[in-house]
C-alpha atoms as a PDB file:
ATOM      1  CA  UNK A   1     -13.058 -13.725  23.192  1.00  0.00           C
ATOM      2  CA  UNK A   2     -15.028 -11.886  20.498  1.00  0.00           C
ATOM      3  CA  UNK A   3     -15.563  -8.905  22.831  1.00  0.00           C
ATOM      4  CA  UNK A   4     -11.840  -8.810  23.586  1.00  0.00           C
ATOM      5  CA  UNK A   5     -10.996  -8.765  19.871  1.00  0.00           C
ATOM      6  CA  UNK A   6     -13.419  -5.885  19.239  1.00  0.00           C
ATOM      7  CA  UNK A   7     -11.859  -3.834  22.035  1.00  0.00           C
ATOM      8  CA  UNK A   8      -8.400  -4.691  20.671  1.00  0.00           C
ATOM      9  CA  UNK A   9      -9.349  -3.470  17.196  1.00  0.00           C
ATOM     10  CA  UNK A  10     -10.735  -0.176  18.548  1.00  0.00           C
ATOM     11  CA  UNK A  11      -7.555   0.493  20.546  1.00  0.00           C
ATOM     12  CA  UNK A  12      -5.416  -0.449  17.579  1.00  0.00           C
ATOM     13  CA  UNK A  13      -7.277   1.962  15.300  1.00  0.00           C
ATOM     14  CA  UNK A  14      -6.737   4.777  17.819  1.00  0.00           C
ATOM     15  CA  UNK A  15      -3.038   3.889  17.949  1.00  0.00           C
ATOM     16  CA  UNK A  16      -2.776   4.172  14.136  1.00  0.00           C
ATOM     17  CA  UNK A  17      -4.416   7.579  14.011  1.00  0.00           C
ATOM     18  CA  UNK A  18      -2.264   9.021  16.783  1.00  0.00           C
ATOM     19  CA  UNK A  19       1.068   7.613  15.557  1.00  0.00           C
ATOM     20  CA  UNK A  20       0.443   8.437  11.916  1.00  0.00           C
ATOM     21  CA  UNK A  21      -0.758  11.967  12.734  1.00  0.00           C
ATOM     22  CA  UNK A  22       2.360  12.601  14.775  1.00  0.00           C
ATOM     23  CA  UNK A  23       4.527  11.150  12.021  1.00  0.00           C
ATOM     24  CA  UNK A  24       2.853  13.424   9.483  1.00  0.00           C
ATOM     25  CA  UNK A  25       3.358  16.484  11.701  1.00  0.00           C
ATOM     26  CA  UNK A  26       7.001  15.603  12.207  1.00  0.00           C
ATOM     27  CA  UNK A  27       7.643  15.003   8.518  1.00  0.00           C
ATOM     28  CA  UNK A  28       6.264  18.427   7.677  1.00  0.00           C
ATOM     29  CA  UNK A  29       8.763  19.887  10.100  1.00  0.00           C
ATOM     30  CA  UNK A  30      11.772  18.542   8.217  1.00  0.00           C
ATOM     31  CA  UNK A  31      10.825  20.591   5.165  1.00  0.00           C
ATOM     32  CA  UNK A  32      12.201  23.777   6.776  1.00  0.00           C
ATOM     33  CA  UNK A  33      15.812  24.906   6.529  1.00  0.00           C
ATOM     34  CA  UNK A  34      18.254  23.123   8.809  1.00  0.00           C
ATOM     35  CA  UNK A  35      20.219  24.712  11.620  1.00  0.00           C
ATOM     36  CA  UNK A  36      23.565  23.768  10.119  1.00  0.00           C
ATOM     37  CA  UNK A  37      22.830  25.652   6.891  1.00  0.00           C
ATOM     38  CA  UNK A  38      22.765  28.990   8.690  1.00  0.00           C
ATOM     39  CA  UNK A  39      25.968  28.400  10.685  1.00  0.00           C
ATOM     40  CA  UNK A  40      28.362  31.248   9.704  1.00  0.00           C
ATOM     41  CA  UNK A  41      31.445  29.032  10.041  1.00  0.00           C
ATOM     42  CA  UNK A  42      29.917  26.387   7.790  1.00  0.00           C
ATOM     43  CA  UNK A  43      28.848  28.925   5.162  1.00  0.00           C
ATOM     44  CA  UNK A  44      32.257  30.587   5.191  1.00  0.00           C
ATOM     45  CA  UNK A  45      33.969  27.208   4.737  1.00  0.00           C
ATOM     46  CA  UNK A  46      31.609  26.384   1.864  1.00  0.00           C
ATOM     47  CA  UNK A  47      32.285  29.662   0.066  1.00  0.00           C
ATOM     48  CA  UNK A  48      36.069  29.319   0.471  1.00  0.00           C
ATOM     49  CA  UNK A  49      36.004  25.719  -0.732  1.00  0.00           C
ATOM     50  CA  UNK A  50      34.127  26.520  -3.918  1.00  0.00           C
ATOM     51  CA  UNK A  51      36.710  29.210  -4.676  1.00  0.00           C
ATOM     52  CA  UNK A  52      39.919  27.446  -3.633  1.00  0.00           C
ATOM     53  CA  UNK A  53      38.832  23.820  -4.040  1.00  0.00           C
ATOM     54  CA  UNK A  54      40.145  22.938  -0.582  1.00  0.00           C
ATOM     55  CA  UNK A  55      38.874  22.331   2.931  1.00  0.00           C
ATOM     56  CA  UNK A  56      41.829  22.570   5.250  1.00  0.00           C
ATOM     57  CA  UNK A  57      44.505  20.276   3.799  1.00  0.00           C
ATOM     58  CA  UNK A  58      42.038  18.321   1.644  1.00  0.00           C
ATOM     59  CA  UNK A  59      41.759  19.555  -1.948  1.00  0.00           C
ATOM     60  CA  UNK A  60      39.525  18.331  -4.766  1.00  0.00           C
ATOM     61  CA  UNK A  61      40.871  18.286  -8.331  1.00  0.00           C
ATOM     62  CA  UNK A  62      37.389  18.710  -9.807  1.00  0.00           C
ATOM     63  CA  UNK A  63      37.138  22.117  -8.050  1.00  0.00           C
ATOM     64  CA  UNK A  64      39.734  23.666 -10.361  1.00  0.00           C
ATOM     65  CA  UNK A  65      37.961  26.382 -12.400  1.00  0.00           C
ATOM     66  CA  UNK A  66      39.172  28.928 -14.916  1.00  0.00           C
ATOM     67  CA  UNK A  67      38.180  32.598 -14.876  1.00  0.00           C
ATOM     68  CA  UNK A  68      35.078  31.890 -16.985  1.00  0.00           C
ATOM     69  CA  UNK A  69      33.836  29.276 -14.478  1.00  0.00           C
ATOM     70  CA  UNK A  70      34.678  26.214 -16.571  1.00  0.00           C
ATOM     71  CA  UNK A  71      36.593  23.337 -15.050  1.00  0.00           C
ATOM     72  CA  UNK A  72      40.283  23.479 -15.970  1.00  0.00           C
ATOM     73  CA  UNK A  73      40.650  19.730 -16.436  1.00  0.00           C
ATOM     74  CA  UNK A  74      37.304  19.127 -18.162  1.00  0.00           C
ATOM     75  CA  UNK A  75      34.065  17.887 -16.627  1.00  0.00           C
ATOM     76  CA  UNK A  76      34.442  16.858 -12.971  1.00  0.00           C
ATOM     77  CA  UNK A  77      33.027  13.378 -13.650  1.00  0.00           C
ATOM     78  CA  UNK A  78      35.906  12.681 -16.077  1.00  0.00           C
ATOM     79  CA  UNK A  79      38.479  13.539 -13.416  1.00  0.00           C
ATOM     80  CA  UNK A  80      37.440  10.826 -10.957  1.00  0.00           C
ATOM     81  CA  UNK A  81      38.670   7.230 -11.072  1.00  0.00           C
ATOM     82  CA  UNK A  82      36.256   5.025 -13.053  1.00  0.00           C
ATOM     83  CA  UNK A  83      34.945   3.191  -9.974  1.00  0.00           C
ATOM     84  CA  UNK A  84      34.007   6.550  -8.361  1.00  0.00           C
ATOM     85  CA  UNK A  85      32.325   8.246 -11.328  1.00  0.00           C
ATOM     86  CA  UNK A  86      28.944   6.570 -10.747  1.00  0.00           C
ATOM     87  CA  UNK A  87      28.676   8.262  -7.343  1.00  0.00           C
ATOM     88  CA  UNK A  88      28.656  11.690  -9.048  1.00  0.00           C
ATOM     89  CA  UNK A  89      30.410  13.519  -6.214  1.00  0.00           C
ATOM     90  CA  UNK A  90      31.040  16.970  -7.616  1.00  0.00           C
ATOM     91  CA  UNK A  91      32.846  19.986  -6.203  1.00  0.00           C
ATOM     92  CA  UNK A  92      29.749  21.342  -4.456  1.00  0.00           C
ATOM     93  CA  UNK A  93      28.933  17.980  -2.798  1.00  0.00           C
ATOM     94  CA  UNK A  94      32.466  17.394  -1.594  1.00  0.00           C
ATOM     95  CA  UNK A  95      32.711  20.934  -0.219  1.00  0.00           C
ATOM     96  CA  UNK A  96      29.450  20.488   1.663  1.00  0.00           C
ATOM     97  CA  UNK A  97      30.497  17.150   3.092  1.00  0.00           C
ATOM     98  CA  UNK A  98      33.976  18.094   4.310  1.00  0.00           C
ATOM     99  CA  UNK A  99      32.877  21.482   5.630  1.00  0.00           C
ATOM    100  CA  UNK A 100      30.129  19.687   7.541  1.00  0.00           C
ATOM    101  CA  UNK A 101      32.572  17.126   8.944  1.00  0.00           C
ATOM    102  CA  UNK A 102      35.009  19.802  10.074  1.00  0.00           C
ATOM    103  CA  UNK A 103      32.273  21.937  11.582  1.00  0.00           C
ATOM    104  CA  UNK A 104      30.837  18.980  13.502  1.00  0.00           C
ATOM    105  CA  UNK A 105      34.285  18.173  14.899  1.00  0.00           C
ATOM    106  CA  UNK A 106      34.529  21.727  16.216  1.00  0.00           C
ATOM    107  CA  UNK A 107      31.006  21.554  17.666  1.00  0.00           C
ATOM    108  CA  UNK A 108      31.699  18.205  19.349  1.00  0.00           C
ATOM    109  CA  UNK A 109      34.893  19.582  20.881  1.00  0.00           C
ATOM    110  CA  UNK A 110      32.824  22.429  22.336  1.00  0.00           C
ATOM    111  CA  UNK A 111      30.265  20.012  23.749  1.00  0.00           C
ATOM    112  CA  UNK A 112      27.460  20.695  21.265  1.00  0.00           C
ATOM    113  CA  UNK A 113      25.110  18.078  19.804  1.00  0.00           C
ATOM    114  CA  UNK A 114      25.079  17.358  16.041  1.00  0.00           C
ATOM    115  CA  UNK A 115      22.715  19.407  13.868  1.00  0.00           C
ATOM    116  CA  UNK A 116      21.243  18.833  10.434  1.00  0.00           C
ATOM    117  CA  UNK A 117      22.680  20.258   7.238  1.00  0.00           C
ATOM    118  CA  UNK A 118      20.399  20.720   4.218  1.00  0.00           C
ATOM    119  CA  UNK A 119      17.750  18.553   5.826  1.00  0.00           C
ATOM    120  CA  UNK A 120      20.066  15.652   6.681  1.00  0.00           C
ATOM    121  CA  UNK A 121      22.068  14.556   9.684  1.00  0.00           C
ATOM    122  CA  UNK A 122      25.873  14.572   9.358  1.00  0.00           C
ATOM    123  CA  UNK A 123      26.523  11.011   8.166  1.00  0.00           C
ATOM    124  CA  UNK A 124      29.935   9.503   7.576  1.00  0.00           C
ATOM    125  CA  UNK A 125      30.610   8.221   4.090  1.00  0.00           C
ATOM    126  CA  UNK A 126      31.779   4.634   3.588  1.00  0.00           C
ATOM    127  CA  UNK A 127      33.347   3.932   0.182  1.00  0.00           C
ATOM    128  CA  UNK A 128      31.529   7.004  -1.100  1.00  0.00           C
ATOM    129  CA  UNK A 129      28.135   5.809   0.170  1.00  0.00           C
ATOM    130  CA  UNK A 130      26.220   8.669   1.755  1.00  0.00           C
ATOM    131  CA  UNK A 131      24.113   6.786   4.337  1.00  0.00           C
ATOM    132  CA  UNK A 132      25.671   3.315   4.691  1.00  0.00           C
ATOM    133  CA  UNK A 133      23.330   1.993   7.407  1.00  0.00           C
ATOM    134  CA  UNK A 134      20.166   2.942   5.500  1.00  0.00           C
ATOM    135  CA  UNK A 135      21.623   1.388   2.356  1.00  0.00           C
ATOM    136  CA  UNK A 136      22.401  -1.850   4.199  1.00  0.00           C
ATOM    137  CA  UNK A 137      18.930  -2.079   5.761  1.00  0.00           C
ATOM    138  CA  UNK A 138      17.259  -1.240   2.452  1.00  0.00           C
ATOM    139  CA  UNK A 139      19.237  -4.058   0.845  1.00  0.00           C
ATOM    140  CA  UNK A 140      18.166  -6.400   3.659  1.00  0.00           C
ATOM    141  CA  UNK A 141      14.535  -5.454   3.105  1.00  0.00           C
ATOM    142  CA  UNK A 142      14.957  -6.140  -0.593  1.00  0.00           C
ATOM    143  CA  UNK A 143      16.496  -9.537   0.181  1.00  0.00           C
ATOM    144  CA  UNK A 144      13.711 -10.341   2.652  1.00  0.00           C
ATOM    145  CA  UNK A 145      11.044  -9.520   0.086  1.00  0.00           C
ATOM    146  CA  UNK A 146      12.800 -11.697  -2.475  1.00  0.00           C
ATOM    147  CA  UNK A 147      13.020 -14.554   0.037  1.00  0.00           C
ATOM    148  CA  UNK A 148       9.339 -14.163   0.914  1.00  0.00           C
ATOM    149  CA  UNK A 149       8.290 -14.040  -2.725  1.00  0.00           C
ATOM    150  CA  UNK A 150      10.397 -17.093  -3.605  1.00  0.00           C
ATOM    151  CA  UNK A 151       9.022 -19.135  -0.705  1.00  0.00           C
ATOM    152  CA  UNK A 152       5.485 -18.018  -1.671  1.00  0.00           C
ATOM    153  CA  UNK A 153       6.094 -19.169  -5.259  1.00  0.00           C
ATOM    154  CA  UNK A 154       7.452 -22.530  -4.095  1.00  0.00           C
ATOM    155  CA  UNK A 155       4.474 -22.996  -1.772  1.00  0.00           C
ATOM    156  CA  UNK A 156       1.968 -22.297  -4.550  1.00  0.00           C
ATOM    157  CA  UNK A 157       3.519 -24.394  -7.291  1.00  0.00           C
ATOM    158  CA  UNK A 158       5.280 -27.212  -5.465  1.00  0.00           C
ATOM    159  CA  UNK A 159       3.590 -27.769  -2.100  1.00  0.00           C
ATOM    160  CA  UNK A 160      -0.090 -26.856  -2.367  1.00  0.00           C
ATOM    161  CA  UNK A 161      -2.561 -28.772  -4.558  1.00  0.00           C
ATOM    162  CA  UNK A 162      -3.218 -27.214  -7.957  1.00  0.00           C
ATOM    163  CA  UNK A 163      -6.103 -27.245 -10.392  1.00  0.00           C
ATOM    164  CA  UNK A 164      -6.225 -29.524 -13.423  1.00  0.00           C
ATOM    165  CA  UNK A 165      -4.717 -26.726 -15.553  1.00  0.00           C
ATOM    166  CA  UNK A 166      -1.797 -26.438 -13.071  1.00  0.00           C
ATOM    167  CA  UNK A 167      -3.010 -23.071 -11.806  1.00  0.00           C
ATOM    168  CA  UNK A 168      -3.107 -22.571  -8.020  1.00  0.00           C
ATOM    169  CA  UNK A 169      -6.399 -22.562  -6.147  1.00  0.00           C
ATOM    170  CA  UNK A 170      -5.369 -19.353  -4.414  1.00  0.00           C
ATOM    171  CA  UNK A 171      -7.258 -16.563  -6.217  1.00  0.00           C
ATOM    172  CA  UNK A 172      -4.923 -13.749  -5.184  1.00  0.00           C
ATOM    173  CA  UNK A 173      -1.615 -15.253  -6.315  1.00  0.00           C
ATOM    174  CA  UNK A 174      -1.211 -12.854  -9.250  1.00  0.00           C
ATOM    175  CA  UNK A 175      -1.826  -9.830  -7.042  1.00  0.00           C
ATOM    176  CA  UNK A 176       0.922 -10.839  -4.640  1.00  0.00           C
ATOM    177  CA  UNK A 177       3.380 -11.574  -7.461  1.00  0.00           C
ATOM    178  CA  UNK A 178       2.961  -8.019  -8.752  1.00  0.00           C
ATOM    179  CA  UNK A 179       3.197  -6.707  -5.181  1.00  0.00           C
ATOM    180  CA  UNK A 180       6.552  -8.481  -4.803  1.00  0.00           C
ATOM    181  CA  UNK A 181       7.925  -6.900  -7.975  1.00  0.00           C
ATOM    182  CA  UNK A 182       6.880  -3.416  -6.842  1.00  0.00           C
ATOM    183  CA  UNK A 183       8.355  -4.017  -3.372  1.00  0.00           C
ATOM    184  CA  UNK A 184      11.684  -5.171  -4.831  1.00  0.00           C
ATOM    185  CA  UNK A 185      11.747  -2.129  -7.111  1.00  0.00           C
ATOM    186  CA  UNK A 186      10.943   0.231  -4.227  1.00  0.00           C
ATOM    187  CA  UNK A 187      13.630  -1.098  -1.898  1.00  0.00           C
ATOM    188  CA  UNK A 188      16.190  -1.158  -4.716  1.00  0.00           C
ATOM    189  CA  UNK A 189      15.701   2.557  -5.346  1.00  0.00           C
ATOM    190  CA  UNK A 190      15.662   3.213  -1.614  1.00  0.00           C
ATOM    191  CA  UNK A 191      19.146   1.715  -1.409  1.00  0.00           C
ATOM    192  CA  UNK A 192      20.306   3.742  -4.420  1.00  0.00           C
ATOM    193  CA  UNK A 193      18.842   6.981  -3.036  1.00  0.00           C
ATOM    194  CA  UNK A 194      20.508   6.544   0.354  1.00  0.00           C
ATOM    195  CA  UNK A 195      23.807   5.807  -1.365  1.00  0.00           C
ATOM    196  CA  UNK A 196      23.662   9.051  -3.320  1.00  0.00           C
ATOM    197  CA  UNK A 197      21.024  11.724  -2.855  1.00  0.00           C
ATOM    198  CA  UNK A 198      20.566  13.534  -6.167  1.00  0.00           C
ATOM    199  CA  UNK A 199      17.394  14.736  -7.885  1.00  0.00           C
ATOM    200  CA  UNK A 200      17.043  11.624 -10.072  1.00  0.00           C
ATOM    201  CA  UNK A 201      17.537   9.069  -7.276  1.00  0.00           C
ATOM    202  CA  UNK A 202      15.222  11.062  -5.000  1.00  0.00           C
ATOM    203  CA  UNK A 203      12.439  11.019  -7.575  1.00  0.00           C
ATOM    204  CA  UNK A 204      12.871   7.326  -8.342  1.00  0.00           C
ATOM    205  CA  UNK A 205      12.793   6.491  -4.629  1.00  0.00           C
ATOM    206  CA  UNK A 206       9.694   8.636  -3.996  1.00  0.00           C
ATOM    207  CA  UNK A 207       7.772   7.452  -7.048  1.00  0.00           C
ATOM    208  CA  UNK A 208       8.586   3.787  -6.430  1.00  0.00           C
ATOM    209  CA  UNK A 209       7.371   4.098  -2.836  1.00  0.00           C
ATOM    210  CA  UNK A 210       4.168   5.854  -3.950  1.00  0.00           C
ATOM    211  CA  UNK A 211       3.475   3.144  -6.529  1.00  0.00           C
ATOM    212  CA  UNK A 212       4.002   0.419  -3.930  1.00  0.00           C
ATOM    213  CA  UNK A 213       1.816   2.190  -1.379  1.00  0.00           C
ATOM    214  CA  UNK A 214      -0.981   2.735  -3.891  1.00  0.00           C
ATOM    215  CA  UNK A 215      -0.900  -0.842  -5.110  1.00  0.00           C
ATOM    216  CA  UNK A 216      -0.813  -2.141  -1.527  1.00  0.00           C
ATOM    217  CA  UNK A 217      -4.057  -0.249  -0.905  1.00  0.00           C
ATOM    218  CA  UNK A 218      -5.608  -1.920  -3.949  1.00  0.00           C
ATOM    219  CA  UNK A 219      -4.542  -5.368  -2.707  1.00  0.00           C
ATOM    220  CA  UNK A 220      -5.935  -4.611   0.754  1.00  0.00           C
ATOM    221  CA  UNK A 221      -9.320  -3.695  -0.729  1.00  0.00           C
ATOM    222  CA  UNK A 222      -9.476  -6.648  -3.128  1.00  0.00           C
ATOM    223  CA  UNK A 223      -8.477  -9.197  -0.494  1.00  0.00           C
ATOM    224  CA  UNK A 224     -10.527  -7.860   2.393  1.00  0.00           C
ATOM    225  CA  UNK A 225     -13.702  -7.566   0.307  1.00  0.00           C
ATOM    226  CA  UNK A 226     -12.970 -10.904  -1.361  1.00  0.00           C
ATOM    227  CA  UNK A 227     -13.134  -9.452  -4.881  1.00  0.00           C
ATOM    228  CA  UNK A 228     -12.446 -12.358  -7.240  1.00  0.00           C
ATOM    229  CA  UNK A 229     -14.129 -11.426 -10.544  1.00  0.00           C
ATOM    230  CA  UNK A 230     -11.721  -9.766 -12.985  1.00  0.00           C
ATOM    231  CA  UNK A 231     -14.294  -7.170 -14.060  1.00  0.00           C
ATOM    232  CA  UNK A 232     -14.932  -6.161 -10.454  1.00  0.00           C
ATOM    233  CA  UNK A 233     -11.193  -5.959  -9.774  1.00  0.00           C
ATOM    234  CA  UNK A 234     -10.749  -3.612 -12.723  1.00  0.00           C
ATOM    235  CA  UNK A 235     -13.602  -1.405 -11.523  1.00  0.00           C
ATOM    236  CA  UNK A 236     -12.042  -1.143  -8.054  1.00  0.00           C
ATOM    237  CA  UNK A 237      -8.448  -0.735  -9.213  1.00  0.00           C
ATOM    238  CA  UNK A 238      -8.893   1.687 -12.118  1.00  0.00           C
ATOM    239  CA  UNK A 239      -9.771   4.821 -10.063  1.00  0.00           C
ATOM    240  CA  UNK A 240      -6.923   4.206  -7.608  1.00  0.00           C
ATOM    241  CA  UNK A 241      -4.427   3.489 -10.390  1.00  0.00           C
ATOM    242  CA  UNK A 242      -5.515   6.678 -12.167  1.00  0.00           C
ATOM    243  CA  UNK A 243      -5.107   8.692  -8.968  1.00  0.00           C
ATOM    244  CA  UNK A 244      -1.641   7.285  -8.173  1.00  0.00           C
ATOM    245  CA  UNK A 245      -0.473   7.805 -11.769  1.00  0.00           C
ATOM    246  CA  UNK A 246      -1.776  11.380 -11.807  1.00  0.00           C
ATOM    247  CA  UNK A 247      -0.118  12.067  -8.455  1.00  0.00           C
ATOM    248  CA  UNK A 248       3.264  10.826  -9.701  1.00  0.00           C
ATOM    249  CA  UNK A 249       2.964  12.823 -12.939  1.00  0.00           C
ATOM    250  CA  UNK A 250       2.071  15.934 -10.931  1.00  0.00           C
ATOM    251  CA  UNK A 251       5.126  15.548  -8.693  1.00  0.00           C
ATOM    252  CA  UNK A 252       7.443  14.813 -11.611  1.00  0.00           C
ATOM    253  CA  UNK A 253       6.246  17.331 -14.179  1.00  0.00           C
ATOM    254  CA  UNK A 254       4.726  20.178 -12.176  1.00  0.00           C
ATOM    255  CA  UNK A 255       6.005  20.424  -8.610  1.00  0.00           C
ATOM    256  CA  UNK A 256       7.756  18.029  -6.241  1.00  0.00           C
ATOM    257  CA  UNK A 257       5.533  19.078  -3.349  1.00  0.00           C
ATOM    258  CA  UNK A 258       6.754  17.212  -0.250  1.00  0.00           C
ATOM    259  CA  UNK A 259       3.869  18.360   1.932  1.00  0.00           C
ATOM    260  CA  UNK A 260       1.166  17.262  -0.517  1.00  0.00           C
ATOM    261  CA  UNK A 261       2.947  13.976  -1.176  1.00  0.00           C
ATOM    262  CA  UNK A 262       3.105  13.277   2.555  1.00  0.00           C
ATOM    263  CA  UNK A 263      -0.640  13.887   2.903  1.00  0.00           C
ATOM    264  CA  UNK A 264      -1.379  11.467   0.059  1.00  0.00           C
ATOM    265  CA  UNK A 265       0.949   8.784   1.421  1.00  0.00           C
ATOM    266  CA  UNK A 266      -0.413   9.074   4.960  1.00  0.00           C
ATOM    267  CA  UNK A 267      -4.000   8.847   3.669  1.00  0.00           C
ATOM    268  CA  UNK A 268      -3.243   5.705   1.649  1.00  0.00           C
ATOM    269  CA  UNK A 269      -1.257   4.206   4.526  1.00  0.00           C
ATOM    270  CA  UNK A 270      -3.946   4.826   7.138  1.00  0.00           C
ATOM    271  CA  UNK A 271      -6.641   3.466   4.815  1.00  0.00           C
ATOM    272  CA  UNK A 272      -4.928   0.138   4.213  1.00  0.00           C
ATOM    273  CA  UNK A 273      -3.899  -0.305   7.832  1.00  0.00           C
ATOM    274  CA  UNK A 274      -7.480   0.162   8.958  1.00  0.00           C
ATOM    275  CA  UNK A 275      -8.791  -2.146   6.237  1.00  0.00           C
ATOM    276  CA  UNK A 276      -6.417  -4.959   7.172  1.00  0.00           C
ATOM    277  CA  UNK A 277      -6.928  -4.511  10.919  1.00  0.00           C
ATOM    278  CA  UNK A 278     -10.733  -4.478  10.776  1.00  0.00           C
ATOM    279  CA  UNK A 279     -10.879  -7.278   8.203  1.00  0.00           C
ATOM    280  CA  UNK A 280      -8.677  -9.479  10.372  1.00  0.00           C
ATOM    281  CA  UNK A 281     -11.179  -9.244  13.225  1.00  0.00           C
ATOM    282  CA  UNK A 282     -14.377  -9.418  11.172  1.00  0.00           C
ATOM    283  CA  UNK A 283     -13.285 -12.316   8.959  1.00  0.00           C
ATOM    284  CA  UNK A 284     -11.933 -14.432  11.805  1.00  0.00           C
ATOM    285  CA  UNK A 285      -8.894 -15.303   9.672  1.00  0.00           C
ATOM    286  CA  UNK A 286      -6.796 -18.043  11.341  1.00  0.00           C
ATOM    287  CA  UNK A 287      -3.655 -15.869  11.070  1.00  0.00           C
ATOM    288  CA  UNK A 288      -5.293 -12.616  12.145  1.00  0.00           C
ATOM    289  CA  UNK A 289      -3.070 -12.272  15.228  1.00  0.00           C
ATOM    290  CA  UNK A 290       0.023 -12.456  13.046  1.00  0.00           C
ATOM    291  CA  UNK A 291      -1.527  -9.803  10.807  1.00  0.00           C
ATOM    292  CA  UNK A 292      -2.340  -7.594  13.790  1.00  0.00           C
ATOM    293  CA  UNK A 293       1.170  -7.969  15.177  1.00  0.00           C
ATOM    294  CA  UNK A 294       2.693  -6.816  11.882  1.00  0.00           C
ATOM    295  CA  UNK A 295       0.329  -3.831  11.661  1.00  0.00           C
ATOM    296  CA  UNK A 296       0.679  -2.708  15.289  1.00  0.00           C
ATOM    297  CA  UNK A 297       4.461  -3.156  15.358  1.00  0.00           C
ATOM    298  CA  UNK A 298       4.789  -1.378  12.021  1.00  0.00           C
ATOM    299  CA  UNK A 299       2.714   1.549  13.307  1.00  0.00           C
ATOM    300  CA  UNK A 300       4.786   1.754  16.492  1.00  0.00           C
ATOM    301  CA  UNK A 301       8.011   1.569  14.492  1.00  0.00           C
ATOM    302  CA  UNK A 302       6.920   4.750  12.727  1.00  0.00           C
ATOM    303  CA  UNK A 303       7.443   6.527  16.050  1.00  0.00           C
ATOM    304  CA  UNK A 304      11.156   6.322  15.240  1.00  0.00           C
ATOM    305  CA  UNK A 305      10.431   8.926  12.573  1.00  0.00           C
ATOM    306  CA  UNK A 306       8.986  11.180  15.285  1.00  0.00           C
ATOM    307  CA  UNK A 307      11.687  10.792  17.929  1.00  0.00           C
ATOM    308  CA  UNK A 308      14.363  11.673  15.425  1.00  0.00           C
ATOM    309  CA  UNK A 309      17.910  11.408  16.729  1.00  0.00           C
ATOM    310  CA  UNK A 310      21.335  12.066  15.179  1.00  0.00           C
ATOM    311  CA  UNK A 311      23.260   9.125  13.710  1.00  0.00           C
ATOM    312  CA  UNK A 312      25.089   7.049  16.286  1.00  0.00           C
ATOM    313  CA  UNK A 313      28.793   7.220  15.465  1.00  0.00           C
ATOM    314  CA  UNK A 314      27.741   8.943  12.253  1.00  0.00           C
ATOM    315  CA  UNK A 315      25.941   5.897  10.829  1.00  0.00           C
ATOM    316  CA  UNK A 316      22.596   4.847  12.383  1.00  0.00           C
ATOM    317  CA  UNK A 317      19.918   7.503  12.802  1.00  0.00           C
ATOM    318  CA  UNK A 318      16.187   7.111  13.500  1.00  0.00           C
ATOM    319  CA  UNK A 319      15.347   6.616   9.827  1.00  0.00           C
ATOM    320  CA  UNK A 320      17.945   3.860   9.474  1.00  0.00           C
ATOM    321  CA  UNK A 321      16.602   2.229  12.651  1.00  0.00           C
ATOM    322  CA  UNK A 322      13.100   2.357  11.150  1.00  0.00           C
ATOM    323  CA  UNK A 323      14.397   0.574   8.056  1.00  0.00           C
ATOM    324  CA  UNK A 324      15.925  -2.028  10.366  1.00  0.00           C
ATOM    325  CA  UNK A 325      12.594  -2.750  12.077  1.00  0.00           C
ATOM    326  CA  UNK A 326      10.890  -3.443   8.745  1.00  0.00           C
ATOM    327  CA  UNK A 327      13.262  -6.351   7.998  1.00  0.00           C
ATOM    328  CA  UNK A 328      11.713  -8.860  10.467  1.00  0.00           C
ATOM    329  CA  UNK A 329       8.243  -7.405   9.803  1.00  0.00           C
ATOM    330  CA  UNK A 330       8.678  -8.184   6.107  1.00  0.00           C
ATOM    331  CA  UNK A 331       9.408 -11.809   6.996  1.00  0.00           C
ATOM    332  CA  UNK A 332       6.244 -11.992   9.115  1.00  0.00           C
ATOM    333  CA  UNK A 333       4.195 -10.246   6.428  1.00  0.00           C
ATOM    334  CA  UNK A 334       5.133 -12.830   3.808  1.00  0.00           C
ATOM    335  CA  UNK A 335       4.471 -15.523   6.384  1.00  0.00           C
ATOM    336  CA  UNK A 336       0.916 -14.178   6.689  1.00  0.00           C
ATOM    337  CA  UNK A 337       0.550 -14.137   2.892  1.00  0.00           C
ATOM    338  CA  UNK A 338       1.594 -17.798   2.750  1.00  0.00           C
ATOM    339  CA  UNK A 339      -0.826 -18.638   5.563  1.00  0.00           C
ATOM    340  CA  UNK A 340      -3.575 -16.920   3.608  1.00  0.00           C
ATOM    341  CA  UNK A 341      -2.700 -18.960   0.509  1.00  0.00           C
ATOM    342  CA  UNK A 342      -2.936 -22.188   2.511  1.00  0.00           C
ATOM    343  CA  UNK A 343      -6.209 -21.085   4.123  1.00  0.00           C
ATOM    344  CA  UNK A 344      -7.890 -20.107   0.858  1.00  0.00           C
ATOM    345  CA  UNK A 345      -6.632 -23.250  -0.860  1.00  0.00           C
ATOM    346  CA  UNK A 346      -8.178 -25.422   1.851  1.00  0.00           C
ATOM    347  CA  UNK A 347     -11.470 -23.511   1.511  1.00  0.00           C
ATOM    348  CA  UNK A 348     -11.499 -24.049  -2.246  1.00  0.00           C
ATOM    349  CA  UNK A 349     -10.695 -27.737  -1.898  1.00  0.00           C
ATOM    350  CA  UNK A 350     -13.549 -28.194   0.562  1.00  0.00           C
ATOM    351  CA  UNK A 351     -15.911 -26.599  -1.946  1.00  0.00           C
ATOM    352  CA  UNK A 352     -14.714 -28.958  -4.671  1.00  0.00           C
ATOM    353  CA  UNK A 353     -15.305 -31.952  -2.448  1.00  0.00           C
END
């Protein structure tokens, strides 16, 4: 059985490297200009719309400009109904969207497949939401993390034995509480970003994900190496926290470099996947197979980012499908965390006895 587990770990590590390398290569590819941007019909429609304020029979009141370029009726965001102002759809965004929709209708009628515009597939808006499926799955991930965190809290404080000072025996409880907060924050901004892609929401989504990824690496190191002393935890965490903070400041204040950010994220992701996978086999953790299943399935799900496909019926693309796969994996991940809490609590109780 031990030999089988060693072989399994080796194959799993190879799988991570291959899938993550391919994902990285693919993600670099999306940084180039999209095919739809260069389409003469699309560009002509866009230019006409920004001059006339209309695409076909659809006209936008916030595209009315005077000769000096100022909006006739005041700022565009004051011309929308109150419930629409938060979406910040301006003249340029509406022109892009409706020109894209019309162009895709013409392409479909001619038998052509959808193409990307400005780095994104042609999604259909729902109540002004830019990518409704990704928003829904991001919200489900957020809800799943909240459910997992709540059940973890209940397990620690109401089901498992506690110390005389009412603190749990589980030494890593605080780490997982902070992890939950960062995960909730990350998925919240993911939902916001997919509802409306502007510079601010993009940065908040990226930086929240980087913070979560960096902290997840710290947790992986602390748990796998069984670091329990606070001084030792600070020594391990401080360099990684400094690196992640510097990386975010660099992206925000100097250059939002997508290629460099992808390299950093892939490096941190590969590192923690390998740490968890190897630790599961070496430690002989009772829930190691559950851990391995989450890691392997999560790595395979990343292949959806490689085999990118246009949104089905204008809603579900490969990225949205990837978000969908993380919903059940999040449930299993928190299940492993609760198993670990029960396991470590039983170990501590045996020591006390």
